[in-house]
Amino acid sequence: MNRTGRRWVAACGLALLTGACGSGDTTGEGERASPIKRAPTPESEFTAKEIEATLDALVAEINEGAVEPMQMAILLKEIGGFFTPITTGANRAMGELGVTGNVVGPSGLGSDHQQRAEAQGEQIGQAVADGAEGIGVSPFGDAIAADIDEAVAGGVPVVTLDTDAKDSKRSIYVGTISESAGVTAGETLLALLRPAPGTVVIHGADDPSWVDGMNRMLGARRVLEDADYTVVVRPITWSPQGEVADVEAMKAQIETADPPVVGLLGLHNVSYRCAMATEAAGATDLPVVAFDFEPKTVEYMRQGLIQATHTQRQYYAGYLVPYILYGIKSIGLDATKAILAPRMFDESRLNVGLDVVAWDQVDEYIAFLDSIGVTQ
């Protein structure tokens, strides 16, 4: 479905490598820029009211002082796909702030992880050289920690989003907290299960080298095991061909588990495979809870074969980062963190949370996405 977001006007065009957006007016020396004013977010059950209130508090504090021009850069792993709502949010925030900024996608210098990390490190260096006073980056992990540290050492604060570089000197991470997301997903399924005993199939990650995936699975597993359910994990096979393998494996678990399977929980974007497994096993009465908002997931929700899904708030992650960078410049890091405290998971990580969408709320959720001009 193509959603144009008629109620919103894009803050600026997107840039793949270079380009700028922001205020079309300049403030002369000695003049005070107009106070920052956020555009109201349409009201919906899915409006993140806590984040909205926190942003309003940050803007109010910034407006107490001098509102100054600023240049920033937002560097993403991709412009499209999962990162489309992030791009929309970041551009909208930069437009409201009146800053000069650009949203930058991958350089295209090779598909190898290390090559892409090196290219992103070069982008950070270029942003600093071009005069950026703050950088938001979706990093290729700690592979670019040294580049982040170099920017920070040069007086340019860095905020990470979507993926963290926890061993770097970044100021704040903004995004989904994996273990917390797993706990939320586990609790959503728990509310649908018949009383224990019973087996729950988790379609997720069990590879310790993928920290975020592992933490999400462990968070969900803990909730279910604490409620006395037996948990078995089907590791995701990340390939189109892997769909058949995943479905067959979960079908076998449904048919042979002791105690019997009472529900399935998918923790990533291909979690609709859980519903496919219940179809294959002739067990479509089993509750299935999913993750993300893939078209196949939506299709199975409309059929009533997936009872709920969890969507990551990419738009809010993108929207928050420019405001946080501006806050750091305007009122300082400590004051900015103090205002963000209601949304902070710990000292340096801000949790944007999840939208829990029930099977009978699909149209309502799509209407919300339309109202803010994003696809999920």
Protein backbone atom coordinates (compact mmCIF):
# COMPACT_ATOMS: atom_id res chain seq x y z
CA MET A 1 0.00 0.00 0.00
CA ASN A 2 1.37 3.42 -0.93
CA ARG A 3 0.85 5.91 1.86
CA THR A 4 1.53 9.53 1.03
CA GLY A 5 0.72 10.99 4.43
CA ARG A 6 -1.49 13.76 3.09
CA ARG A 7 -1.64 15.50 6.47
CA TRP A 8 2.08 16.06 6.55
CA VAL A 9 4.48 17.92 4.30
CA ALA A 10 7.94 16.39 4.03
CA ALA A 11 10.55 18.52 5.75
CA CYS A 12 13.00 18.13 2.91
CA GLY A 13 14.18 15.80 0.20
CA LEU A 14 16.26 12.76 0.97
CA ALA A 15 19.93 12.53 0.16
CA LEU A 16 21.83 9.35 -0.60
CA LEU A 17 25.26 10.83 -0.16
CA THR A 18 25.06 14.57 0.23
CA GLY A 19 22.43 17.24 0.38
CA ALA A 20 20.89 19.48 2.97
CA CYS A 21 17.55 20.39 4.39
CA GLY A 22 16.26 22.60 7.14
CA SER A 23 15.41 26.21 7.54
CA GLY A 24 15.22 28.34 4.47
CA ASP A 25 15.83 31.49 6.56
CA THR A 26 19.04 32.50 8.23
CA THR A 27 19.39 34.36 11.48
CA GLY A 28 21.69 37.32 11.45
CA GLU A 29 24.38 37.87 14.05
CA GLY A 30 22.88 39.10 17.30
CA GLU A 31 19.34 38.07 16.35
CA ARG A 32 17.36 35.47 18.27
CA ALA A 33 15.79 32.77 16.13
CA SER A 34 12.08 32.04 16.57
CA PRO A 35 11.24 29.55 19.33
CA ILE A 36 11.09 25.94 18.25
CA LYS A 37 7.55 24.73 17.66
CA ARG A 38 6.74 21.10 17.06
CA ALA A 39 3.98 20.14 14.66
CA PRO A 40 1.21 18.31 16.58
CA THR A 41 1.16 14.56 16.11
CA PRO A 42 -2.26 13.15 15.17
CA GLU A 43 -4.08 11.59 18.11
CA SER A 44 -4.42 7.82 18.07
CA GLU A 45 -4.25 4.87 20.42
CA PHE A 46 -0.81 4.31 18.90
CA THR A 47 0.52 7.83 19.46
CA ALA A 48 3.52 7.47 21.78
CA LYS A 49 2.21 9.91 24.36
CA GLU A 50 5.12 9.44 26.77
CA ILE A 51 7.64 10.25 24.05
CA GLU A 52 5.55 13.21 22.89
CA ALA A 53 5.43 14.61 26.44
CA THR A 54 9.18 14.14 26.88
CA LEU A 55 9.89 15.95 23.61
CA ASP A 56 7.60 18.81 24.62
CA ALA A 57 9.52 19.15 27.87
CA LEU A 58 12.84 19.19 26.00
CA VAL A 59 11.61 21.85 23.57
CA ALA A 60 10.31 24.01 26.43
CA GLU A 61 13.71 23.90 28.13
CA ILE A 62 15.56 24.68 24.88
CA ASN A 63 13.25 27.62 24.23
CA GLU A 64 14.16 29.10 27.61
CA GLY A 65 17.60 29.91 26.19
CA ALA A 66 18.92 31.14 22.89
CA VAL A 67 17.75 29.20 19.85
CA GLU A 68 20.78 28.99 17.59
CA PRO A 69 21.44 27.67 14.09
CA MET A 70 22.94 24.18 13.94
CA GLN A 71 24.31 21.77 11.37
CA MET A 72 23.93 18.01 11.83
CA ALA A 73 24.12 14.76 9.88
CA ILE A 74 22.07 11.57 10.19
CA LEU A 75 23.89 8.52 8.81
CA LEU A 76 21.83 5.38 8.21
CA LYS A 77 22.60 1.86 7.05
CA GLU A 78 19.89 2.26 4.42
CA ILE A 79 17.46 4.90 3.22
CA GLY A 80 14.61 2.55 2.26
CA GLY A 81 13.01 -0.51 3.81
CA PHE A 82 13.15 -0.67 7.58
CA PHE A 83 14.82 2.76 7.62
CA THR A 84 12.09 4.59 5.67
CA PRO A 85 10.17 5.67 8.82
CA ILE A 86 13.47 6.67 10.47
CA THR A 87 14.29 8.88 7.50
CA THR A 88 10.84 10.48 7.60
CA GLY A 89 11.09 11.18 11.31
CA ALA A 90 14.60 12.61 11.12
CA ASN A 91 13.75 14.91 8.22
CA ARG A 92 10.59 16.12 9.94
CA ALA A 93 12.46 16.92 13.15
CA MET A 94 15.22 18.79 11.32
CA GLY A 95 12.59 20.83 9.50
CA GLU A 96 10.88 21.76 12.77
CA LEU A 97 14.20 22.66 14.37
CA GLY A 98 15.22 24.78 11.39
CA VAL A 99 18.66 23.18 11.31
CA THR A 100 20.84 22.45 8.32
CA GLY A 101 21.14 18.72 8.02
CA ASN A 102 21.15 15.71 5.76
CA VAL A 103 20.06 12.12 5.92
CA VAL A 104 22.80 9.98 4.42
CA GLY A 105 22.48 6.43 3.19
CA PRO A 106 25.12 3.81 2.43
CA SER A 107 28.05 4.76 0.24
CA GLY A 108 27.68 1.60 -1.86
CA LEU A 109 31.36 0.72 -1.49
CA GLY A 110 30.98 -3.04 -1.30
CA SER A 111 28.54 -5.30 0.52
CA ASP A 112 31.00 -6.85 2.96
CA HIS A 113 30.25 -5.83 6.57
CA GLN A 114 33.78 -4.59 7.19
CA GLN A 115 33.79 -2.59 3.95
CA ARG A 116 30.49 -0.96 4.82
CA ALA A 117 31.73 -0.17 8.33
CA GLU A 118 34.86 1.45 6.91
CA ALA A 119 32.76 3.47 4.47
CA GLN A 120 30.50 4.61 7.29
CA GLY A 121 33.53 5.63 9.32
CA GLU A 122 34.60 7.78 6.39
CA GLN A 123 31.13 9.34 6.30
CA ILE A 124 31.49 10.31 9.95
CA GLY A 125 34.83 11.94 9.23
CA GLN A 126 33.38 13.77 6.23
CA ALA A 127 30.43 15.03 8.26
CA VAL A 128 32.82 16.47 10.85
CA ALA A 129 34.95 18.04 8.11
CA ASP A 130 31.81 19.57 6.58
CA GLY A 131 30.98 21.32 9.85
CA ALA A 132 28.47 19.03 11.53
CA GLU A 133 27.91 19.96 15.18
CA GLY A 134 26.11 16.70 15.95
CA ILE A 135 25.84 13.30 14.28
CA GLY A 136 23.17 10.62 14.51
CA VAL A 137 24.28 7.24 13.20
CA SER A 138 22.87 3.76 12.79
CA PRO A 139 26.24 2.06 13.12
CA PHE A 140 27.66 -1.17 11.87
CA GLY A 141 28.24 -2.07 15.50
CA ASP A 142 31.43 -1.39 17.39
CA ALA A 143 33.39 -1.63 14.13
CA ILE A 144 33.04 2.14 13.87
CA ALA A 145 33.65 2.88 17.55
CA ALA A 146 37.02 4.49 16.81
CA ASP A 147 35.45 6.81 14.23
CA ILE A 148 32.74 7.83 16.69
CA ASP A 149 35.37 8.44 19.37
CA GLU A 150 37.38 10.62 17.00
CA ALA A 151 34.31 12.75 16.25
CA VAL A 152 33.55 13.11 19.97
CA ALA A 153 37.17 14.02 20.69
CA GLY A 154 36.75 16.80 18.12
CA GLY A 155 33.79 18.19 20.02
CA VAL A 156 31.02 16.64 17.90
CA PRO A 157 28.51 14.61 19.98
CA VAL A 158 27.24 11.37 18.47
CA VAL A 159 23.90 9.68 19.11
CA THR A 160 23.36 6.12 17.87
CA LEU A 161 19.99 4.77 16.74
CA ASP A 162 18.52 1.38 15.84
CA THR A 163 21.89 -0.33 16.42
CA ASP A 164 24.25 0.64 19.21
CA ALA A 165 28.02 0.99 19.41
CA LYS A 166 28.15 0.45 23.14
CA ASP A 167 31.94 0.44 23.40
CA SER A 168 32.21 3.89 21.81
CA LYS A 169 31.92 7.33 23.39
CA ARG A 170 28.51 7.98 21.87
CA SER A 171 26.30 10.11 24.10
CA ILE A 172 22.99 8.22 23.91
CA TYR A 173 21.51 5.23 22.08
CA VAL A 174 17.92 5.64 20.80
CA GLY A 175 15.87 2.63 19.73
CA THR A 176 14.42 -0.71 20.74
CA ILE A 177 15.94 -2.35 23.82
CA SER A 178 16.11 -6.00 22.84
CA GLU A 179 15.58 -7.71 26.20
CA SER A 180 12.73 -5.33 27.06
CA ALA A 181 11.15 -6.03 23.66
CA GLY A 182 11.38 -9.76 24.33
CA VAL A 183 9.71 -9.34 27.70
CA THR A 184 6.85 -7.36 26.14
CA ALA A 185 6.36 -10.00 23.43
CA GLY A 186 6.42 -12.79 25.99
CA GLU A 187 3.80 -11.01 28.09
CA THR A 188 1.57 -10.49 25.06
CA LEU A 189 1.57 -14.23 24.30
CA LEU A 190 1.27 -15.16 27.97
CA ALA A 191 -2.08 -13.37 28.18
CA LEU A 192 -3.41 -15.63 25.38
CA LEU A 193 -2.22 -19.00 26.70
CA ARG A 194 -4.20 -21.63 28.54
CA PRO A 195 -2.78 -22.39 32.00
CA ALA A 196 0.49 -24.32 32.29
CA PRO A 197 1.77 -26.94 31.73
CA GLY A 198 2.41 -26.60 28.03
CA THR A 199 5.17 -25.97 25.50
CA VAL A 200 5.75 -22.64 23.76
CA VAL A 201 7.70 -22.50 20.50
CA ILE A 202 9.85 -19.38 20.09
CA HIS A 203 10.98 -18.58 16.57
CA GLY A 204 14.03 -16.49 17.32
CA ALA A 205 17.78 -16.35 17.78
CA ASP A 206 19.97 -18.65 19.85
CA ASP A 207 23.38 -17.51 18.59
CA PRO A 208 25.31 -15.64 21.32
CA SER A 209 27.28 -13.75 18.65
CA TRP A 210 24.06 -11.90 17.73
CA VAL A 211 23.64 -10.07 21.02
CA ASP A 212 20.43 -8.19 20.25
CA GLY A 213 18.68 -11.25 18.83
CA MET A 214 19.81 -13.40 21.73
CA ASN A 215 18.72 -10.83 24.32
CA ARG A 216 15.27 -10.52 22.74
CA MET A 217 14.82 -14.29 22.86
CA LEU A 218 16.07 -14.54 26.46
CA GLY A 219 13.70 -11.80 27.61
CA ALA A 220 10.71 -13.63 26.13
CA ARG A 221 11.90 -17.01 27.35
CA ARG A 222 12.26 -15.79 30.92
CA VAL A 223 8.67 -14.49 31.02
CA LEU A 224 7.26 -17.79 29.76
CA GLU A 225 9.44 -20.06 31.87
CA ASP A 226 8.65 -18.01 34.97
CA ALA A 227 5.01 -18.84 34.25
CA ASP A 228 5.93 -22.58 34.24
CA TYR A 229 5.78 -23.18 30.50
CA THR A 230 8.33 -25.31 28.68
CA VAL A 231 10.08 -23.28 25.97
CA VAL A 232 11.71 -24.64 22.82
CA VAL A 233 13.50 -22.36 20.36
CA ARG A 234 13.52 -22.77 16.60
CA PRO A 235 16.51 -20.73 15.36
CA ILE A 236 15.58 -18.52 12.39
CA THR A 237 16.97 -19.55 9.02
CA TRP A 238 17.75 -16.25 7.31
CA SER A 239 17.09 -17.06 3.68
CA PRO A 240 14.08 -17.43 1.39
CA GLN A 241 14.86 -21.13 1.21
CA GLY A 242 14.92 -21.19 5.00
CA GLU A 243 11.17 -20.62 5.13
CA VAL A 244 10.50 -24.26 4.26
CA ALA A 245 13.00 -25.48 6.85
CA ASP A 246 11.57 -23.24 9.58
CA VAL A 247 7.98 -24.23 8.88
CA GLU A 248 8.80 -27.95 8.79
CA ALA A 249 10.80 -27.75 12.01
CA MET A 250 8.04 -25.90 13.89
CA LYS A 251 5.40 -28.23 12.46
CA ALA A 252 7.37 -31.17 13.90
CA GLN A 253 7.60 -29.40 17.27
CA ILE A 254 3.84 -28.85 17.29
CA GLU A 255 3.23 -32.52 16.49
CA THR A 256 5.72 -34.06 18.94
CA ALA A 257 6.28 -31.71 21.89
CA ASP A 258 5.63 -33.05 25.37
CA PRO A 259 3.84 -31.33 27.01
CA PRO A 260 1.84 -30.28 23.95
CA VAL A 261 2.44 -26.94 22.27
CA VAL A 262 0.05 -24.24 23.52
CA GLY A 263 1.35 -21.23 21.54
CA LEU A 264 4.02 -19.83 19.24
CA LEU A 265 6.00 -16.60 19.45
CA GLY A 266 7.98 -15.08 16.59
CA LEU A 267 10.52 -12.40 17.46
CA HIS A 268 11.64 -11.05 14.08
CA ASN A 269 10.23 -9.89 10.77
CA VAL A 270 9.71 -13.41 9.37
CA SER A 271 7.69 -14.54 12.37
CA TYR A 272 4.66 -15.10 10.12
CA ARG A 273 6.33 -18.48 9.57
CA CYS A 274 4.83 -19.46 12.95
CA ALA A 275 1.34 -19.12 11.46
CA MET A 276 2.45 -21.11 8.41
CA ALA A 277 3.59 -23.88 10.77
CA THR A 278 0.22 -24.02 12.53
CA GLU A 279 -1.45 -24.34 9.13
CA ALA A 280 0.93 -27.13 8.13
CA ALA A 281 0.24 -28.97 11.40
CA GLY A 282 -3.53 -28.45 11.21
CA ALA A 283 -3.37 -26.56 14.51
CA THR A 284 -4.65 -23.11 13.60
CA ASP A 285 -6.38 -22.84 16.98
CA LEU A 286 -2.99 -22.24 18.63
CA PRO A 287 -2.34 -18.60 19.54
CA VAL A 288 0.46 -16.99 17.54
CA VAL A 289 2.14 -13.69 18.40
CA ALA A 290 4.50 -12.05 15.92
CA PHE A 291 7.00 -9.22 15.48
CA ASP A 292 7.13 -6.38 12.94
CA PHE A 293 4.51 -5.51 10.33
CA GLU A 294 5.47 -7.42 7.21
CA PRO A 295 2.75 -7.80 4.54
CA LYS A 296 2.57 -11.56 5.20
CA THR A 297 2.17 -10.88 8.92
CA VAL A 298 -0.68 -8.47 8.19
CA GLU A 299 -2.31 -11.03 5.89
CA TYR A 300 -2.24 -13.71 8.60
CA MET A 301 -3.57 -11.21 11.16
CA ARG A 302 -6.52 -10.44 8.90
CA GLN A 303 -7.21 -14.18 8.74
CA GLY A 304 -7.09 -14.41 12.53
CA LEU A 305 -4.10 -16.76 12.45
CA ILE A 306 -1.81 -14.25 14.17
CA GLN A 307 -3.42 -12.70 17.24
CA ALA A 308 -1.00 -9.79 17.72
CA THR A 309 2.26 -8.33 16.51
CA HIS A 310 4.86 -5.93 17.90
CA THR A 311 6.13 -3.09 15.76
CA GLN A 312 9.27 -1.12 16.45
CA ARG A 313 8.81 2.65 16.54
CA GLN A 314 11.32 3.51 13.83
CA TYR A 315 9.62 6.83 13.11
CA TYR A 316 10.04 7.98 16.70
CA ALA A 317 13.67 6.85 16.78
CA GLY A 318 14.40 8.99 13.72
CA TYR A 319 12.37 11.90 15.06
CA LEU A 320 14.02 11.92 18.48
CA VAL A 321 17.64 11.99 17.36
CA PRO A 322 17.78 15.53 15.87
CA TYR A 323 16.00 16.90 18.94
CA ILE A 324 18.47 15.15 21.24
CA LEU A 325 21.44 16.44 19.26
CA TYR A 326 20.01 19.95 19.36
CA GLY A 327 19.39 19.61 23.09
CA ILE A 328 22.99 18.56 23.70
CA LYS A 329 24.22 21.63 21.82
CA SER A 330 21.73 23.98 23.45
CA ILE A 331 21.44 22.93 27.10
CA GLY A 332 24.18 20.29 27.44
CA LEU A 333 24.23 16.50 27.67
CA ASP A 334 23.43 16.20 31.37
CA ALA A 335 20.44 18.54 31.19
CA THR A 336 19.18 16.73 28.08
CA LYS A 337 19.48 13.33 29.77
CA ALA A 338 17.61 14.65 32.82
CA ILE A 339 14.65 15.60 30.65
CA LEU A 340 14.79 12.29 28.76
CA ALA A 341 14.92 10.34 32.04
CA PRO A 342 11.31 9.04 31.84
CA ARG A 343 12.22 7.21 28.62
CA MET A 344 15.76 6.13 29.55
CA PHE A 345 16.27 2.39 30.02
CA ASP A 346 19.57 3.01 31.77
CA GLU A 347 22.16 5.80 31.98
CA SER A 348 22.79 6.01 28.24
CA ARG A 349 20.02 4.11 26.39
CA LEU A 350 16.61 5.52 25.48
CA ASN A 351 13.90 2.93 24.86
CA VAL A 352 11.38 4.00 22.20
CA GLY A 353 9.21 1.01 23.11
CA LEU A 354 6.91 -1.04 20.91
CA ASP A 355 3.44 -0.76 19.46
CA VAL A 356 1.41 -3.86 20.32
CA VAL A 357 -1.12 -4.32 17.51
CA ALA A 358 -3.95 -6.84 17.95
CA TRP A 359 -5.34 -8.74 14.96
CA ASP A 360 -8.49 -6.59 14.94
CA GLN A 361 -6.52 -3.31 15.02
CA VAL A 362 -4.75 -3.66 11.67
CA ASP A 363 -6.80 -0.99 9.90
CA GLU A 364 -6.54 1.36 12.87
CA TYR A 365 -2.77 0.98 12.93
CA ILE A 366 -2.45 1.55 9.18
CA ALA A 367 -4.56 4.70 9.59
CA PHE A 368 -2.14 5.92 12.28
CA LEU A 369 0.84 5.28 10.02
CA ASP A 370 -0.93 7.15 7.22
CA SER A 371 -1.55 10.08 9.55
CA ILE A 372 2.18 10.53 10.23
CA GLY A 373 3.15 9.83 6.63
CA VAL A 374 5.13 6.62 7.04
CA THR A 375 5.08 2.98 6.01
CA GLN A 376 6.11 0.37 8.55
